[in-house]
């Protein structure tokens, strides 16, 4: 896939933004995380294809490579994000 996942991610963002009153539960059960804007800097791609990761990073979106041989390492990668 030459264009990576950007088109799919944009479509998903448009779908989320089109839902009136869409709320995200931030884990505390308070529904305090109302999604008002989905942007590159608020999005994270997790993918097992290094090419998709490279294209996503080049486009300015955060991305983490999921290594299917070491699935437990994914949490460490997420925790290191800033």
C-alpha atoms as a PDB file:
ATOM      1  CA  UNK A   1       0.000   0.000   0.000  1.00  0.00           C
ATOM      2  CA  UNK A   2       1.716   3.185  -1.165  1.00  0.00           C
ATOM      3  CA  UNK A   3      -0.364   5.703   0.773  1.00  0.00           C
ATOM      4  CA  UNK A   4      -0.200   3.948   4.103  1.00  0.00           C
ATOM      5  CA  UNK A   5      -3.162   4.241   6.424  1.00  0.00           C
ATOM      6  CA  UNK A   6      -3.730   7.998   6.144  1.00  0.00           C
ATOM      7  CA  UNK A   7      -6.890   7.729   4.037  1.00  0.00           C
ATOM      8  CA  UNK A   8      -8.403   5.177   6.408  1.00  0.00           C
ATOM      9  CA  UNK A   9      -7.479   7.259   9.452  1.00  0.00           C
ATOM     10  CA  UNK A  10      -8.982  10.392   7.884  1.00  0.00           C
ATOM     11  CA  UNK A  11     -12.189   8.490   7.161  1.00  0.00           C
ATOM     12  CA  UNK A  12     -12.381   7.253  10.752  1.00  0.00           C
ATOM     13  CA  UNK A  13     -11.781  10.783  12.055  1.00  0.00           C
ATOM     14  CA  UNK A  14     -14.538  12.171   9.845  1.00  0.00           C
ATOM     15  CA  UNK A  15     -16.903   9.478  11.119  1.00  0.00           C
ATOM     16  CA  UNK A  16     -16.120  10.321  14.749  1.00  0.00           C
ATOM     17  CA  UNK A  17     -16.490  14.039  14.186  1.00  0.00           C
ATOM     18  CA  UNK A  18     -19.842  13.580  12.446  1.00  0.00           C
ATOM     19  CA  UNK A  19     -21.450  11.926  15.485  1.00  0.00           C
ATOM     20  CA  UNK A  20     -23.210  14.609  17.506  1.00  0.00           C
ATOM     21  CA  UNK A  21     -22.355  14.499  21.185  1.00  0.00           C
ATOM     22  CA  UNK A  22     -19.832  11.688  20.755  1.00  0.00           C
ATOM     23  CA  UNK A  23     -18.127  11.263  24.113  1.00  0.00           C
ATOM     24  CA  UNK A  24     -15.118   9.229  25.062  1.00  0.00           C
ATOM     25  CA  UNK A  25     -14.906   7.629  28.473  1.00  0.00           C
ATOM     26  CA  UNK A  26     -11.393   8.404  29.637  1.00  0.00           C
ATOM     27  CA  UNK A  27     -11.322   5.430  31.979  1.00  0.00           C
ATOM     28  CA  UNK A  28     -12.655   7.172  35.059  1.00  0.00           C
ATOM     29  CA  UNK A  29     -16.271   6.547  34.126  1.00  0.00           C
ATOM     30  CA  UNK A  30     -17.025  10.257  34.042  1.00  0.00           C
ATOM     31  CA  UNK A  31     -17.310  10.725  30.261  1.00  0.00           C
ATOM     32  CA  UNK A  32     -15.253  13.885  30.672  1.00  0.00           C
ATOM     33  CA  UNK A  33     -13.373  13.346  27.410  1.00  0.00           C
ATOM     34  CA  UNK A  34     -15.674  14.929  24.854  1.00  0.00           C
ATOM     35  CA  UNK A  35     -13.978  14.665  21.476  1.00  0.00           C
ATOM     36  CA  UNK A  36     -14.032  18.063  19.853  1.00  0.00           C
ATOM     37  CA  UNK A  37     -11.266  17.719  17.312  1.00  0.00           C
ATOM     38  CA  UNK A  38      -9.369  14.809  15.787  1.00  0.00           C
ATOM     39  CA  UNK A  39      -6.020  15.934  14.417  1.00  0.00           C
ATOM     40  CA  UNK A  40      -2.665  14.427  13.523  1.00  0.00           C
ATOM     41  CA  UNK A  41      -1.259  15.424  16.911  1.00  0.00           C
ATOM     42  CA  UNK A  42      -4.140  13.699  18.744  1.00  0.00           C
ATOM     43  CA  UNK A  43      -3.975  10.498  16.701  1.00  0.00           C
ATOM     44  CA  UNK A  44      -1.826   7.400  17.131  1.00  0.00           C
ATOM     45  CA  UNK A  45      -1.385   4.673  14.519  1.00  0.00           C
ATOM     46  CA  UNK A  46      -0.452   1.236  15.845  1.00  0.00           C
ATOM     47  CA  UNK A  47       0.503  -1.017  12.953  1.00  0.00           C
ATOM     48  CA  UNK A  48       2.605  -4.081  12.202  1.00  0.00           C
ATOM     49  CA  UNK A  49       3.721  -2.785   8.782  1.00  0.00           C
ATOM     50  CA  UNK A  50       6.920  -0.704   9.047  1.00  0.00           C
ATOM     51  CA  UNK A  51       6.090   1.025   5.749  1.00  0.00           C
ATOM     52  CA  UNK A  52       2.792   2.319   7.163  1.00  0.00           C
ATOM     53  CA  UNK A  53       4.643   3.571  10.241  1.00  0.00           C
ATOM     54  CA  UNK A  54       7.246   5.359   8.118  1.00  0.00           C
ATOM     55  CA  UNK A  55       4.604   7.038   5.948  1.00  0.00           C
ATOM     56  CA  UNK A  56       2.550   8.055   8.956  1.00  0.00           C
ATOM     57  CA  UNK A  57       5.538   9.596  10.740  1.00  0.00           C
ATOM     58  CA  UNK A  58       6.571  11.408   7.570  1.00  0.00           C
ATOM     59  CA  UNK A  59       3.037  12.843   7.391  1.00  0.00           C
ATOM     60  CA  UNK A  60       3.293  14.200  10.963  1.00  0.00           C
ATOM     61  CA  UNK A  61       1.117  11.648  12.764  1.00  0.00           C
ATOM     62  CA  UNK A  62       2.391   9.693  15.754  1.00  0.00           C
ATOM     63  CA  UNK A  63       2.874   5.986  15.102  1.00  0.00           C
ATOM     64  CA  UNK A  64       4.108   2.882  16.885  1.00  0.00           C
ATOM     65  CA  UNK A  65       5.272  -0.315  15.246  1.00  0.00           C
ATOM     66  CA  UNK A  66       3.491  -3.362  16.646  1.00  0.00           C
ATOM     67  CA  UNK A  67       5.859  -6.316  16.597  1.00  0.00           C
ATOM     68  CA  UNK A  68       3.632  -9.416  16.397  1.00  0.00           C
ATOM     69  CA  UNK A  69       6.508 -11.523  17.753  1.00  0.00           C
ATOM     70  CA  UNK A  70       6.674  -9.377  20.919  1.00  0.00           C
ATOM     71  CA  UNK A  71       3.116  -8.175  21.574  1.00  0.00           C
ATOM     72  CA  UNK A  72       3.791  -7.292  25.207  1.00  0.00           C
ATOM     73  CA  UNK A  73       6.347  -4.697  24.087  1.00  0.00           C
ATOM     74  CA  UNK A  74       3.536  -2.530  22.714  1.00  0.00           C
ATOM     75  CA  UNK A  75       2.636  -1.180  26.151  1.00  0.00           C
ATOM     76  CA  UNK A  76       6.237  -0.071  26.727  1.00  0.00           C
ATOM     77  CA  UNK A  77       6.190   1.823  23.408  1.00  0.00           C
ATOM     78  CA  UNK A  78       2.929   3.548  24.297  1.00  0.00           C
ATOM     79  CA  UNK A  79       4.202   4.516  27.744  1.00  0.00           C
ATOM     80  CA  UNK A  80       7.291   6.169  26.201  1.00  0.00           C
ATOM     81  CA  UNK A  81       5.194   8.509  24.042  1.00  0.00           C
ATOM     82  CA  UNK A  82       5.301  12.204  24.865  1.00  0.00           C
END
